[in-house]
Amino acid sequence: MTVKQKIIEKINSIEDERILEEIYSLISAEKNFDAIYKFSPSELLKVNEGIEDADNGKYYSQKESEKLVAKWLQEKSVGL
């Protein structure tokens, strides 16, 4: 049995409409993979700046990034 046949068989056994809608959403997105995103000049500049920073060792570790994001979220949630 091919992968495609296994997928079809599995989908045919699903009764939950929400799950089917999610599956449909995922497989419908496939057609968008052919589109090539073109960066605007300002986006390209920022991407190149990020690459240059990384090449020069100017980046945060995963743990440092998580701490920064947590701090930012905490600051933004004050007063909500």
N, C-alpha and C. Protein backbone atom coordinates (compact mmCIF):
# COMPACT_ATOMS: atom_id res chain seq x y z
N MET A 1 0.85 -1.18 0.00
CA MET A 1 0.00 0.00 0.00
C MET A 1 0.90 1.24 0.00
N THR A 2 0.61 2.18 -0.88
CA THR A 2 1.39 3.40 -0.97
C THR A 2 1.03 4.35 0.17
N VAL A 3 1.87 5.33 0.40
CA VAL A 3 1.61 6.34 1.42
C VAL A 3 0.30 7.06 1.11
N LYS A 4 0.10 7.38 -0.15
CA LYS A 4 -1.12 8.07 -0.56
C LYS A 4 -2.35 7.23 -0.21
N GLN A 5 -2.28 5.94 -0.47
CA GLN A 5 -3.39 5.05 -0.15
C GLN A 5 -3.62 4.97 1.36
N LYS A 6 -2.55 4.95 2.12
CA LYS A 6 -2.67 4.92 3.59
C LYS A 6 -3.34 6.19 4.10
N ILE A 7 -2.95 7.31 3.53
CA ILE A 7 -3.55 8.60 3.93
C ILE A 7 -5.04 8.60 3.61
N ILE A 8 -5.38 8.18 2.42
CA ILE A 8 -6.79 8.16 2.01
C ILE A 8 -7.58 7.25 2.93
N GLU A 9 -7.03 6.09 3.23
CA GLU A 9 -7.71 5.14 4.11
C GLU A 9 -7.94 5.74 5.50
N LYS A 10 -6.92 6.40 6.01
CA LYS A 10 -7.03 7.03 7.34
C LYS A 10 -8.05 8.15 7.32
N ILE A 11 -8.02 8.98 6.31
CA ILE A 11 -8.98 10.09 6.20
C ILE A 11 -10.41 9.56 6.11
N ASN A 12 -10.60 8.50 5.37
CA ASN A 12 -11.93 7.92 5.24
C ASN A 12 -12.49 7.42 6.56
N SER A 13 -11.61 7.14 7.53
CA SER A 13 -12.08 6.64 8.83
C SER A 13 -12.35 7.76 9.82
N ILE A 14 -11.99 8.99 9.50
CA ILE A 14 -12.17 10.13 10.41
C ILE A 14 -13.59 10.66 10.30
N GLU A 15 -14.23 10.81 11.46
CA GLU A 15 -15.60 11.34 11.50
C GLU A 15 -15.64 12.79 12.00
N ASP A 16 -14.63 13.21 12.73
CA ASP A 16 -14.60 14.54 13.33
C ASP A 16 -14.41 15.60 12.24
N GLU A 17 -15.41 16.44 12.08
CA GLU A 17 -15.41 17.46 11.04
C GLU A 17 -14.27 18.47 11.22
N ARG A 18 -13.93 18.79 12.46
CA ARG A 18 -12.84 19.75 12.72
C ARG A 18 -11.50 19.21 12.24
N ILE A 19 -11.28 17.94 12.49
CA ILE A 19 -10.03 17.32 12.04
C ILE A 19 -9.98 17.31 10.52
N LEU A 20 -11.09 16.98 9.89
CA LEU A 20 -11.14 16.97 8.43
C LEU A 20 -10.90 18.37 7.86
N GLU A 21 -11.44 19.39 8.51
CA GLU A 21 -11.22 20.76 8.05
C GLU A 21 -9.74 21.14 8.16
N GLU A 22 -9.09 20.71 9.24
CA GLU A 22 -7.66 20.99 9.40
C GLU A 22 -6.84 20.28 8.32
N ILE A 23 -7.18 19.04 8.06
CA ILE A 23 -6.48 18.29 7.01
C ILE A 23 -6.67 18.99 5.67
N TYR A 24 -7.89 19.39 5.39
CA TYR A 24 -8.16 20.07 4.12
C TYR A 24 -7.37 21.37 4.02
N SER A 25 -7.30 22.09 5.13
CA SER A 25 -6.53 23.33 5.14
C SER A 25 -5.06 23.08 4.83
N LEU A 26 -4.51 22.02 5.42
CA LEU A 26 -3.11 21.68 5.18
C LEU A 26 -2.85 21.28 3.73
N ILE A 27 -3.71 20.45 3.18
CA ILE A 27 -3.45 19.99 1.81
C ILE A 27 -3.79 21.06 0.79
N SER A 28 -4.64 22.00 1.15
CA SER A 28 -4.96 23.09 0.24
C SER A 28 -3.80 24.07 0.16
N ALA A 29 -3.01 24.14 1.22
CA ALA A 29 -1.87 25.07 1.25
C ALA A 29 -0.77 24.62 0.31
N GLU A 30 -0.79 23.38 -0.11
CA GLU A 30 0.27 22.84 -0.97
C GLU A 30 0.45 23.66 -2.23
N LYS A 31 -0.63 24.16 -2.78
CA LYS A 31 -0.52 24.91 -4.03
C LYS A 31 0.26 26.21 -3.87
N ASN A 32 0.37 26.70 -2.62
CA ASN A 32 1.10 27.94 -2.38
C ASN A 32 2.61 27.72 -2.32
N PHE A 33 3.07 26.48 -2.30
CA PHE A 33 4.49 26.21 -2.22
C PHE A 33 5.22 26.59 -3.49
N ASP A 34 4.50 26.69 -4.58
CA ASP A 34 5.14 27.03 -5.84
C ASP A 34 5.48 28.52 -5.94
N ALA A 35 4.80 29.33 -5.14
CA ALA A 35 5.03 30.77 -5.20
C ALA A 35 6.38 31.09 -4.55
N ILE A 36 7.12 31.96 -5.17
CA ILE A 36 8.41 32.39 -4.64
C ILE A 36 8.23 33.76 -4.02
N TYR A 37 8.57 33.85 -2.73
CA TYR A 37 8.46 35.12 -2.03
C TYR A 37 9.63 36.00 -2.41
N LYS A 38 9.34 37.23 -2.74
CA LYS A 38 10.39 38.19 -3.09
C LYS A 38 10.46 39.23 -1.97
N PHE A 39 11.66 39.34 -1.39
CA PHE A 39 11.87 40.32 -0.33
C PHE A 39 11.81 41.73 -0.89
N SER A 40 11.23 42.64 -0.10
CA SER A 40 11.31 44.04 -0.44
C SER A 40 12.74 44.49 -0.15
N PRO A 41 13.15 45.63 -0.69
CA PRO A 41 14.52 46.10 -0.40
C PRO A 41 14.80 46.25 1.09
N SER A 42 13.83 46.75 1.86
CA SER A 42 14.06 46.91 3.30
C SER A 42 14.14 45.56 4.00
N GLU A 43 13.34 44.58 3.58
CA GLU A 43 13.41 43.24 4.16
C GLU A 43 14.76 42.59 3.84
N LEU A 44 15.19 42.74 2.61
CA LEU A 44 16.47 42.17 2.20
C LEU A 44 17.61 42.78 3.00
N LEU A 45 17.55 44.07 3.24
CA LEU A 45 18.56 44.75 4.05
C LEU A 45 18.61 44.16 5.45
N LYS A 46 17.44 43.95 6.07
CA LYS A 46 17.38 43.40 7.42
C LYS A 46 17.89 41.96 7.46
N VAL A 47 17.55 41.17 6.48
CA VAL A 47 18.03 39.79 6.41
C VAL A 47 19.56 39.78 6.30
N ASN A 48 20.08 40.60 5.43
CA ASN A 48 21.53 40.67 5.27
C ASN A 48 22.23 41.18 6.53
N GLU A 49 21.59 42.12 7.23
CA GLU A 49 22.15 42.60 8.50
C GLU A 49 22.18 41.46 9.51
N GLY A 50 21.12 40.66 9.56
CA GLY A 50 21.07 39.51 10.48
C GLY A 50 22.13 38.48 10.16
N ILE A 51 22.34 38.21 8.90
CA ILE A 51 23.37 37.26 8.49
C ILE A 51 24.75 37.79 8.89
N GLU A 52 24.97 39.07 8.66
CA GLU A 52 26.25 39.67 9.02
C GLU A 52 26.47 39.61 10.53
N ASP A 53 25.42 39.91 11.31
CA ASP A 53 25.53 39.83 12.77
C ASP A 53 25.90 38.41 13.19
N ALA A 54 25.22 37.42 12.63
CA ALA A 54 25.50 36.02 12.98
C ALA A 54 26.93 35.64 12.61
N ASP A 55 27.36 36.07 11.44
CA ASP A 55 28.74 35.79 11.00
C ASP A 55 29.77 36.41 11.94
N ASN A 56 29.41 37.54 12.56
CA ASN A 56 30.32 38.24 13.47
C ASN A 56 30.11 37.83 14.93
N GLY A 57 29.32 36.78 15.16
CA GLY A 57 29.12 36.28 16.52
C GLY A 57 28.15 37.09 17.35
N LYS A 58 27.40 37.98 16.70
CA LYS A 58 26.43 38.82 17.41
C LYS A 58 25.06 38.15 17.37
N TYR A 59 24.84 37.23 18.31
CA TYR A 59 23.55 36.53 18.39
C TYR A 59 23.35 36.04 19.82
N TYR A 60 22.12 35.62 20.14
CA TYR A 60 21.78 35.10 21.45
C TYR A 60 21.63 33.59 21.37
N SER A 61 22.00 32.92 22.47
CA SER A 61 21.78 31.48 22.56
C SER A 61 20.27 31.23 22.72
N GLN A 62 19.87 29.99 22.60
CA GLN A 62 18.47 29.64 22.78
C GLN A 62 17.98 30.06 24.16
N LYS A 63 18.77 29.76 25.20
CA LYS A 63 18.37 30.11 26.57
C LYS A 63 18.28 31.62 26.74
N GLU A 64 19.25 32.35 26.20
CA GLU A 64 19.21 33.81 26.29
C GLU A 64 17.98 34.36 25.57
N SER A 65 17.68 33.81 24.41
CA SER A 65 16.51 34.25 23.64
C SER A 65 15.23 34.00 24.42
N GLU A 66 15.13 32.82 25.03
CA GLU A 66 13.93 32.49 25.81
C GLU A 66 13.75 33.46 26.97
N LYS A 67 14.86 33.83 27.64
CA LYS A 67 14.78 34.78 28.75
C LYS A 67 14.34 36.15 28.25
N LEU A 68 14.88 36.58 27.12
CA LEU A 68 14.49 37.89 26.57
C LEU A 68 13.02 37.92 26.17
N VAL A 69 12.56 36.85 25.55
CA VAL A 69 11.15 36.79 25.14
C VAL A 69 10.24 36.77 26.37
N ALA A 70 10.61 35.98 27.39
CA ALA A 70 9.82 35.91 28.61
C ALA A 70 9.73 37.28 29.28
N LYS A 71 10.86 37.98 29.34
CA LYS A 71 10.89 39.32 29.93
C LYS A 71 10.00 40.28 29.13
N TRP A 72 10.10 40.21 27.82
CA TRP A 72 9.29 41.09 26.96
C TRP A 72 7.80 40.80 27.15
N LEU A 73 7.44 39.51 27.19
CA LEU A 73 6.03 39.14 27.38
C LEU A 73 5.51 39.61 28.73
N GLN A 74 6.35 39.49 29.75
CA GLN A 74 5.96 39.94 31.09
C GLN A 74 5.72 41.44 31.10
N GLU A 75 6.61 42.19 30.48
CA GLU A 75 6.46 43.65 30.41
C GLU A 75 5.20 44.05 29.65
N LYS A 76 4.90 43.32 28.55
CA LYS A 76 3.74 43.65 27.74
C LYS A 76 2.43 43.25 28.40
N SER A 77 2.48 42.27 29.32
CA SER A 77 1.25 41.79 29.93
C SER A 77 0.86 42.58 31.18
N VAL A 78 1.73 43.45 31.64
CA VAL A 78 1.42 44.26 32.81
C VAL A 78 0.23 45.16 32.49
N GLY A 79 -0.77 45.08 33.34
CA GLY A 79 -1.95 45.92 33.17
C GLY A 79 -3.03 45.32 32.31
N LEU A 80 -2.85 44.11 31.84
CA LEU A 80 -3.90 43.47 31.04
C LEU A 80 -4.99 42.92 31.91
